[in-house]
Each structure stands twice: as C-alpha cells, then as structure tokens.
Protein backbone atom coordinates (compact mmCIF):
# COMPACT_ATOMS: atom_id res chain seq x y z
CA MET A 1 0.00 0.00 0.00
CA ARG A 2 1.42 3.42 -0.93
CA ARG A 3 2.06 5.69 2.04
CA LEU A 4 0.60 9.14 1.51
CA LYS A 5 2.42 12.31 2.38
CA PRO A 6 0.60 14.83 4.61
CA THR A 7 0.06 17.07 1.61
CA ASP A 8 -1.53 14.36 -0.53
CA ILE A 9 -5.23 14.72 -1.36
CA LEU A 10 -7.48 11.82 -2.24
CA THR A 11 -10.31 12.26 -4.68
CA THR A 12 -13.36 10.06 -4.41
CA THR A 13 -16.93 10.12 -5.62
CA SER A 14 -19.63 11.12 -3.19
CA ASP A 15 -23.12 9.65 -3.44
CA HIS A 16 -24.87 13.00 -3.57
CA ARG A 17 -22.27 15.72 -4.05
CA GLY A 18 -20.28 14.55 -7.05
CA GLU A 19 -16.52 14.97 -6.65
CA SER A 20 -15.16 15.77 -3.22
CA SER A 21 -11.67 15.85 -1.71
CA LEU A 22 -10.84 13.53 1.17
CA GLU A 23 -7.89 14.60 3.24
CA PHE A 24 -5.39 12.33 4.93
CA VAL A 25 -6.48 11.77 8.55
CA SER A 26 -4.24 10.68 11.43
CA ILE A 27 -6.12 8.96 14.27
CA VAL A 28 -4.26 9.09 17.58
CA VAL A 29 -5.34 6.44 20.11
CA PRO A 30 -3.55 6.84 23.48
CA VAL A 31 -3.95 3.66 25.55
CA ARG A 32 -2.78 1.82 28.61
CA ASN A 33 -4.07 -1.63 29.56
CA GLU A 34 -7.02 -1.64 27.14
CA GLN A 35 -7.04 -5.34 26.22
CA ARG A 36 -10.81 -5.54 26.80
CA TYR A 37 -11.69 -2.82 24.30
CA ILE A 38 -8.82 -2.05 21.90
CA LYS A 39 -9.61 -4.78 19.35
CA ALA A 40 -13.22 -3.64 18.96
CA THR A 41 -12.17 0.01 18.76
CA LEU A 42 -9.62 -0.66 16.01
CA GLU A 43 -12.04 -2.84 14.07
CA MET A 44 -14.63 -0.05 14.11
CA LEU A 45 -12.03 2.41 12.81
CA LEU A 46 -10.90 0.02 10.11
CA ARG A 47 -14.50 -0.50 8.93
CA GLN A 48 -14.81 3.16 8.04
CA GLU A 49 -16.10 3.95 4.54
CA TYR A 50 -12.90 5.83 3.78
CA PRO A 51 -9.99 4.73 1.56
CA GLU A 52 -7.57 2.73 3.69
CA GLU A 53 -4.66 4.65 2.19
CA GLY A 54 -6.36 7.85 3.29
CA PHE A 55 -5.93 7.44 7.04
CA GLU A 56 -3.57 6.02 9.63
CA ILE A 57 -4.19 4.76 13.16
CA LEU A 58 -1.45 5.47 15.70
CA VAL A 59 -1.97 3.42 18.86
CA VAL A 60 0.22 5.13 21.45
CA ASP A 61 0.78 2.69 24.28
CA GLY A 62 1.73 3.85 27.77
CA ARG A 63 3.71 0.74 28.71
CA SER A 64 0.73 -1.60 29.07
CA ASP A 65 1.36 -4.70 31.18
CA ASP A 66 -1.61 -6.64 29.78
CA ALA A 67 -2.20 -7.99 26.24
CA THR A 68 -2.89 -4.59 24.63
CA ARG A 69 0.38 -4.40 22.71
CA ASP A 70 0.09 -7.96 21.38
CA ILE A 71 -3.45 -7.32 20.14
CA VAL A 72 -2.37 -4.15 18.32
CA LYS A 73 0.65 -5.88 16.78
CA ARG A 74 -1.54 -8.67 15.38
CA ILE A 75 -3.90 -6.17 13.77
CA ALA A 76 -0.99 -4.07 12.46
CA ARG A 77 0.43 -7.12 10.65
CA ILE A 78 -2.81 -7.30 8.64
CA HIS A 79 -3.52 -3.57 8.25
CA THR A 80 -0.45 -1.56 7.34
CA ASN A 81 -2.11 1.73 8.21
CA VAL A 82 -2.11 0.70 11.90
CA ARG A 83 1.04 1.50 13.87
CA LEU A 84 2.03 0.85 17.49
CA VAL A 85 4.01 3.69 19.06
CA ASP A 86 5.58 3.67 22.51
CA ASN A 87 4.71 6.24 25.17
CA PRO A 88 7.41 5.93 27.85
CA ARG A 89 5.84 8.76 29.87
CA ILE A 90 2.66 6.65 30.30
CA TRP A 91 0.06 9.39 30.86
CA SER A 92 -2.53 10.12 28.18
CA SER A 93 -1.34 13.73 27.88
CA ALA A 94 2.12 12.49 26.85
CA GLY A 95 0.56 9.84 24.62
CA ARG A 96 -1.39 12.47 22.71
CA ASN A 97 1.80 14.42 22.10
CA VAL A 98 3.69 11.33 20.91
CA GLY A 99 0.83 10.62 18.51
CA VAL A 100 0.80 14.16 17.12
CA GLU A 101 4.57 14.07 16.66
CA HIS A 102 4.31 10.86 14.59
CA ALA A 103 1.14 11.85 12.70
CA ARG A 104 1.39 12.55 8.97
CA GLY A 105 -2.08 13.97 8.39
CA ASP A 106 -3.23 17.56 8.30
CA ILE A 107 -6.30 16.47 10.30
CA ILE A 108 -5.52 14.81 13.64
CA LEU A 109 -8.34 12.98 15.42
CA VAL A 110 -7.98 11.79 19.02
CA ILE A 111 -9.91 8.64 19.97
CA ASP A 112 -9.66 6.72 23.24
CA GLY A 113 -9.11 2.98 23.29
CA HIS A 114 -12.46 2.17 24.92
CA CYS A 115 -15.08 3.83 22.75
CA GLU A 116 -17.55 3.01 19.98
CA LEU A 117 -18.29 4.72 16.66
CA GLU A 118 -21.93 4.46 15.70
CA SER A 119 -21.34 5.41 12.08
CA THR A 120 -19.16 3.89 9.36
CA THR A 121 -18.95 7.35 7.76
CA HIS A 122 -17.33 8.99 10.80
CA LEU A 123 -14.15 10.01 8.96
CA ARG A 124 -16.06 11.31 5.93
CA ASP A 125 -18.36 13.30 8.19
CA LEU A 126 -15.37 14.67 10.10
CA VAL A 127 -13.60 15.86 6.95
CA ASP A 128 -16.89 17.31 5.71
CA ALA A 129 -17.34 19.23 8.99
CA PHE A 130 -13.90 20.79 8.60
CA THR A 131 -14.54 21.62 4.95
CA ARG A 132 -17.99 23.19 5.28
CA SER A 133 -17.19 25.12 8.47
CA GLY A 134 -13.64 26.22 7.76
CA ALA A 135 -12.95 25.56 11.45
CA ASP A 136 -9.60 24.81 13.06
CA ILE A 137 -11.17 22.32 15.49
CA VAL A 138 -14.16 20.00 15.30
CA GLY A 139 -15.98 19.04 18.49
CA ARG A 140 -18.24 16.05 19.01
CA PRO A 141 -20.94 14.60 21.24
CA GLN A 142 -19.54 12.05 23.68
CA PRO A 143 -22.46 10.10 25.12
CA LEU A 144 -21.86 7.25 27.56
CA ARG A 145 -23.51 4.52 25.56
CA VAL A 146 -22.28 1.05 24.60
CA ALA A 147 -23.89 -2.20 23.51
CA ASN A 148 -24.85 -4.73 26.18
CA ALA A 149 -24.53 -2.21 29.01
CA SER A 150 -25.39 -3.42 32.50
CA LYS A 151 -28.18 -1.75 34.45
CA LEU A 152 -25.60 0.14 36.53
CA GLN A 153 -23.88 1.35 33.35
CA GLN A 154 -27.25 2.50 32.02
CA ALA A 155 -27.86 4.42 35.26
CA ILE A 156 -24.41 6.02 35.06
CA SER A 157 -25.04 6.98 31.44
CA GLU A 158 -28.37 8.60 32.27
CA ALA A 159 -26.98 10.40 35.31
CA ARG A 160 -23.95 11.80 33.49
CA ALA A 161 -26.11 13.08 30.63
CA SER A 162 -28.45 14.94 32.99
CA LEU A 163 -28.02 18.48 34.29
CA LEU A 164 -27.06 17.10 37.70
CA GLY A 165 -24.38 14.80 36.30
CA HIS A 166 -21.93 16.94 34.30
CA HIS A 167 -20.50 20.44 34.14
CA PRO A 168 -23.33 22.74 33.01
CA ASP A 169 -21.09 24.57 30.51
CA SER A 170 -20.23 21.38 28.62
CA PHE A 171 -21.65 20.71 25.14
CA VAL A 172 -20.75 17.01 24.95
CA TYR A 173 -24.36 15.89 25.37
CA THR A 174 -25.95 18.30 22.87
CA GLN A 175 -26.96 17.49 19.28
CA VAL A 176 -27.08 20.87 17.50
CA ASP A 177 -24.45 21.70 14.87
CA ARG A 178 -22.94 25.12 15.59
CA PHE A 179 -19.78 27.00 16.48
CA VAL A 180 -18.99 26.59 20.18
CA PRO A 181 -16.06 27.15 22.55
CA ALA A 182 -13.61 24.28 22.14
CA ILE A 183 -12.96 23.84 25.86
CA SER A 184 -15.40 20.99 26.46
CA VAL A 185 -15.73 19.32 23.05
CA GLY A 186 -12.60 19.72 20.92
CA ALA A 187 -11.33 16.35 19.67
CA ALA A 188 -10.11 16.77 16.08
CA TYR A 189 -7.61 19.39 15.02
CA ARG A 190 -5.98 20.92 12.00
CA ARG A 191 -2.20 20.68 12.32
CA ASN A 192 -1.98 24.47 12.41
CA VAL A 193 -3.59 24.35 15.88
CA PHE A 194 -0.45 22.72 17.31
CA ASP A 195 1.73 25.20 15.44
CA ALA A 196 -0.25 28.02 17.04
CA ILE A 197 -0.57 26.93 20.69
CA GLY A 198 1.87 24.07 21.20
CA PHE A 199 1.10 20.60 22.57
CA PHE A 200 -0.81 19.01 25.44
CA ASP A 201 0.47 19.84 28.92
CA GLU A 202 2.10 16.67 30.23
CA THR A 203 1.80 17.74 33.87
CA PHE A 204 -1.91 16.86 33.60
CA ASP A 205 -3.08 13.28 34.17
CA ALA A 206 -6.68 14.39 33.52
CA CYS A 207 -8.25 17.40 31.80
CA GLU A 208 -5.24 17.78 29.51
CA ASP A 209 -7.72 18.12 26.64
CA VAL A 210 -9.66 20.80 28.52
CA ASP A 211 -6.45 22.76 29.09
CA PHE A 212 -5.44 22.41 25.44
CA ASN A 213 -8.87 23.41 24.16
CA HIS A 214 -8.98 26.37 26.54
CA ARG A 215 -5.70 27.60 25.07
CA ALA A 216 -7.22 27.20 21.61
CA ASP A 217 -10.15 29.38 22.70
CA GLN A 218 -7.72 31.96 24.07
CA ALA A 219 -5.97 31.99 20.69
CA GLU A 220 -9.39 32.64 19.07
CA LEU A 221 -9.27 29.47 16.99
CA LYS A 222 -12.63 28.37 15.61
CA CYS A 223 -14.35 25.19 16.85
CA PHE A 224 -17.32 23.67 15.04
CA PHE A 225 -19.52 21.17 16.87
CA SER A 226 -20.82 18.39 14.59
CA SER A 227 -23.50 15.98 15.78
CA LYS A 228 -22.52 13.51 13.04
CA VAL A 229 -19.16 12.62 14.60
CA ALA A 230 -20.37 11.35 17.96
CA VAL A 231 -18.11 8.95 19.85
CA CYS A 232 -19.71 6.73 22.48
CA TYR A 233 -17.77 5.91 25.61
CA ALA A 234 -18.23 2.98 27.94
CA PRO A 235 -19.62 4.00 31.35
CA ARG A 236 -17.69 2.67 34.31
CA SER A 237 -18.86 -0.79 35.31
CA SER A 238 -18.76 -0.17 39.06
CA LEU A 239 -19.34 2.66 41.51
CA THR A 240 -15.72 2.32 42.64
CA GLY A 241 -14.53 2.87 39.08
CA LEU A 242 -16.88 5.83 38.72
CA PHE A 243 -15.55 7.31 41.98
CA HIS A 244 -11.93 7.11 40.83
CA GLN A 245 -12.80 8.57 37.41
CA LEU A 246 -14.67 11.58 38.78
CA ALA A 247 -12.10 12.19 41.54
CA ARG A 248 -9.43 12.36 38.85
CA TYR A 249 -11.59 14.83 36.90
CA GLY A 250 -11.99 16.91 40.07
CA ARG A 251 -8.23 17.04 40.58
CA GLY A 252 -7.77 17.99 36.94
CA ARG A 253 -10.24 20.86 37.22
CA ILE A 254 -8.29 22.39 40.10
CA ARG A 255 -5.01 22.02 38.23
CA LEU A 256 -6.67 23.70 35.26
CA GLY A 257 -7.85 26.55 37.50
CA ARG A 258 -4.40 26.90 39.04
CA LYS A 259 -2.94 27.29 35.56
CA HIS A 260 -5.85 29.33 34.15
CA PRO A 261 -7.55 31.22 37.03
CA GLU A 262 -10.20 32.55 34.65
CA THR A 263 -11.67 29.02 34.41
CA PHE A 264 -12.62 29.02 38.10
CA SER A 265 -16.32 29.39 38.79
CA LEU A 266 -18.81 28.43 41.49
CA LYS A 267 -20.21 25.79 39.14
CA THR A 268 -16.79 24.17 38.93
CA LEU A 269 -16.22 24.27 42.70
CA LEU A 270 -19.75 23.27 43.73
CA PRO A 271 -18.94 19.55 44.32
CA GLY A 272 -16.09 20.61 46.61
CA VAL A 273 -18.40 22.93 48.51
CA PHE A 274 -20.91 20.08 48.81
CA VAL A 275 -18.38 17.65 50.29
CA THR A 276 -17.04 20.35 52.62
CA GLY A 277 -20.57 20.91 53.87
CA ILE A 278 -21.07 17.20 54.54
CA LEU A 279 -17.80 16.98 56.48
CA ALA A 280 -18.53 20.17 58.43
CA GLY A 281 -21.94 18.93 59.63
CA PRO A 282 -20.78 17.10 62.79
CA ILE A 283 -18.85 20.10 64.10
CA LEU A 284 -21.57 22.71 63.49
CA PRO A 285 -23.30 22.25 66.89
CA TRP A 286 -20.01 23.18 68.56
CA ILE A 287 -20.14 26.53 66.77
CA ASP A 288 -23.85 27.31 67.06
CA THR A 289 -26.63 24.78 67.75
CA ARG A 290 -28.90 26.55 65.29
CA LEU A 291 -26.53 25.70 62.42
CA ILE A 292 -27.43 22.03 62.66
CA TRP A 293 -30.89 22.89 61.34
CA VAL A 294 -29.34 24.67 58.36
CA TYR A 295 -27.21 21.59 57.75
CA TRP A 296 -30.16 19.20 57.78
CA LEU A 297 -32.34 21.49 55.64
CA CYS A 298 -29.59 21.70 52.99
CA LEU A 299 -29.08 17.95 53.08
CA LEU A 300 -32.81 17.28 52.74
CA PHE A 301 -32.99 19.73 49.84
CA TYR A 302 -30.17 17.86 48.08
CA VAL A 303 -31.84 14.49 48.67
CA GLY A 304 -35.12 15.83 47.34
CA VAL A 305 -33.50 17.20 44.16
CA VAL A 306 -31.66 13.92 43.51
CA ILE A 307 -34.75 11.78 44.09
CA GLY A 308 -36.82 14.07 41.88
CA ALA A 309 -34.27 13.89 39.06
CA SER A 310 -34.02 10.12 39.42
CA LEU A 311 -37.80 9.65 39.23
CA SER A 312 -37.99 11.94 36.22
CA ILE A 313 -35.36 9.93 34.33
CA ALA A 314 -36.94 6.60 35.31
CA PHE A 315 -40.37 7.83 34.15
CA ARG A 316 -38.96 9.09 30.85
CA ARG A 317 -37.16 5.80 30.23
CA ARG A 318 -40.06 3.69 31.53
CA ASP A 319 -37.54 1.81 33.65
CA TRP A 320 -38.27 1.96 37.39
CA LYS A 321 -35.16 0.01 38.31
CA LEU A 322 -33.25 3.17 37.43
CA ALA A 323 -35.16 5.07 40.12
CA PHE A 324 -33.48 2.93 42.79
CA MET A 325 -29.98 3.06 41.30
CA LEU A 326 -29.75 6.68 40.19
CA PRO A 327 -29.66 8.34 43.66
CA LEU A 328 -26.60 6.28 44.57
CA VAL A 329 -24.99 7.08 41.21
CA PHE A 330 -25.65 10.81 41.60
CA ALA A 331 -24.21 10.78 45.13
CA THR A 332 -21.09 8.97 43.86
CA ILE A 333 -20.63 11.53 41.08
CA HIS A 334 -20.95 14.53 43.39
CA ILE A 335 -18.92 13.16 46.30
CA SER A 336 -16.09 11.82 44.14
CA ALA A 337 -15.76 15.05 42.15
CA GLY A 338 -15.82 17.02 45.39
CA PHE A 339 -13.24 14.71 46.94
CA GLY A 340 -10.91 15.22 43.96
CA ILE A 341 -11.37 18.99 44.15
CA LEU A 342 -10.56 19.09 47.88
CA GLN A 343 -7.67 16.65 47.52
CA GLU A 344 -5.99 18.74 44.83
CA THR A 345 -6.80 22.03 46.58
CA LEU A 346 -5.24 20.92 49.88
CA LEU A 347 -2.48 18.56 48.80
CA GLY A 348 -1.84 19.66 45.23
CA GLY A 349 -0.96 23.17 46.28
CA LEU A 350 1.50 21.81 48.85
CA LYS A 351 2.99 19.50 46.20
CA SER A 352 3.31 22.43 43.77
CA TRP A 353 5.04 24.50 46.44
CA TRP A 354 7.37 21.62 47.38
CA SER A 355 8.54 21.26 43.76
CA SER A 356 8.78 25.02 43.14
CA PRO A 357 12.17 26.78 42.72
CA ALA A 358 11.59 28.76 45.93
CA ALA A 359 10.97 25.59 47.94
CA ARG A 360 14.03 23.88 46.45
CA THR A 361 16.15 26.90 47.34
CA HIS A 362 14.77 26.84 50.89
CA ARG A 363 15.57 23.13 51.28
CA THR A 364 19.09 23.68 49.96
CA MET A 365 19.68 26.46 52.49
CA VAL A 366 18.43 24.25 55.33
CA VAL A 367 20.77 21.44 54.27
CA GLU A 368 23.72 23.82 53.99
CA ARG A 369 23.05 25.22 57.48
CA SER A 370 22.79 21.70 58.93
CA ASP A 371 26.09 20.78 57.27
CA ARG A 372 27.78 23.76 58.88
CA ILE A 373 26.41 22.74 62.26
C-alpha cells in the first residue's frame, strides 16, 4: 500500500455531491491496559467507509502490562495503516503528544481505546465538517452509551447526561451543529492548531484536553460542533470505578484553575463545597446549635433534588429500576468530584510549592546550614 504524504489529497466520488476531496487523517489512540476494548475500537475504525490509504491509526501505548500491545501488533500485521508507538511517559497527555509528533495527516483525530463509533462514515463526516465550516477544530458529542450495558452502566449513562451529572457549561451531550467554545468538546484538530498553541500539557493526568482546548479558545481558533461525529464511551462498570474517574476529573479541574484562574467558577467548585458541607456537619453544633438545622435542611434539599431527578429519568425511560440506582450514582458523582477537588486544593498546592524553585532553594539552604552545624 502506498504511504501518503501529509500534503496528498485523495479524490473520491460522493453519493450526492459529485466529486469531493478527502484529506489524509491521522487517528491518535492513546492507551494503557485496554485489552478488553482495543480490538473492537480498532475494528470499528478500520470498517470506516474511507480509503484505507487515506488514514492512519497510531496506537500510542503507555507501557501496558496486559495484552494490549500484542493485540495491536496482530492487527498491524494485517492492516499496514495501523502503527504501534511507545509512550514511555505513560500518561494520556504524553501519549497524545507522541501521537501528534508521529502523525502525517493535516487532520488529527484523538480517539480513546475504549469507545464506539456508531457510524461507518465517521471520517467522511469529520472531513466534511472541517470543509464546510472552515474551522480549526471539530468538536463532538460524547455520550456514555455502549452495547450490552449493565443496568448500573445505564444508570451512570443517564446520570452523566443529565443536568445534575456533568458540568453545566459542557456541550458534549448536545446534538445541535454550531460554532462553540472548544474547551469541552474539541477532539479533532488541523495541524496548524499545534503550530499556534503548542502541545498538550504533560503535567496533567486528567483534563489535559480541557487545558489544550482552553488555550485554543484563548488563541481565538474556531471550533465547530458536529453531531454527526459522535463517539460513544463505555460508562464505568462499578461505583468504585466511577468514583476514581470523577475524583481524577476533580483534581484535573483544580489544576486547570491553578494554571488558568479565569476558568474558576462556582459551578466548577460546587462539588467541593458540597463535600465540605457534609464533612462540616458534625462540628456545626459546637459553633452554634442553630446551624445544625441549616445543615439538615440543605441535606434534605439535596436528597429531594436527587430523588426528583431520578424519578424523572426513570419515568422518561419507563424503567423503574433506574429510580433505585440513580440516587446512589448521583451521590457517587458529586462526592467523588468534590473529593478530587478538595484533595488537589489541599495537597496539590503543597505538592506544587514543594517542587517550586523557591521551595528547592529553601531546602538547599536548610541542608547547607545543617552541614555547617
């Protein structure tokens, strides 16, 4: 198979538009220990109604210790447009950068190793979105929806898509094509975006895409949201997994705010305020006995809102089992995000100070004084 150069253009016949140009697309798939999902993800990408010589798949592996690498190697032996690339720095932020550095396309699409594409025309629709909008970035819906989902996964999917389950400024659950800020949805990029704002920040182990997209917004790059290029993600299969995921997102949001103070808002910090309120409850009577009533009223209000939202979703879905599972899912989402926010606020700041030049200088002076003594 002939390898295309980044500047090569493919010409194909469209069913309803006559001649159209299909650009070379590089798909970057950062992974670590994805043996359960990576084969299905690659097969869905390879089934795309797009010339095989017109795209490449770069699986960037963060030193997996399961069968991920072997699975990718087997597929790459059959499909020469699939490549396995090593990511010695492990984190997804570094993996994205490795992928971009190796990519040959002018359009770079980032896909995770545990997602599903509902359409076989995803790449065509993506190129079309870039062409008709003239945008630098294309954003996408990212619903939590996979085949054969368990009841808990269905509850997590419904909760995360609701107003109570995700950041209210996010567009990932909308379906209207329009220009939007890139911060919450950007996933495919013209190469000029990286020339303009640099690469993903490798100090982030979560929200590196949010940081990158925020910088794109600051640079006034255009982002077009296309409903045709939705990518479905697998909801976590357990509440423990959901807790760890949302706690990591909470930590990432604080790191983002530390780097970009303008991204701080009450909406972002609300889960942290919620968890702080829960923890403060037992000590309130020691301050003022009347505060305990405020505590219980706020807690009852929260419970009422969560139960009301759960019943509304269950009624809409005609599935009353969800009514019993959703309150626990909502509580896990809010508490875990709040825990991550507080953890990074209290310990992350100390860690940042400890690694700062001023702190290193201080430690050096202390050591030098002790040596003199």
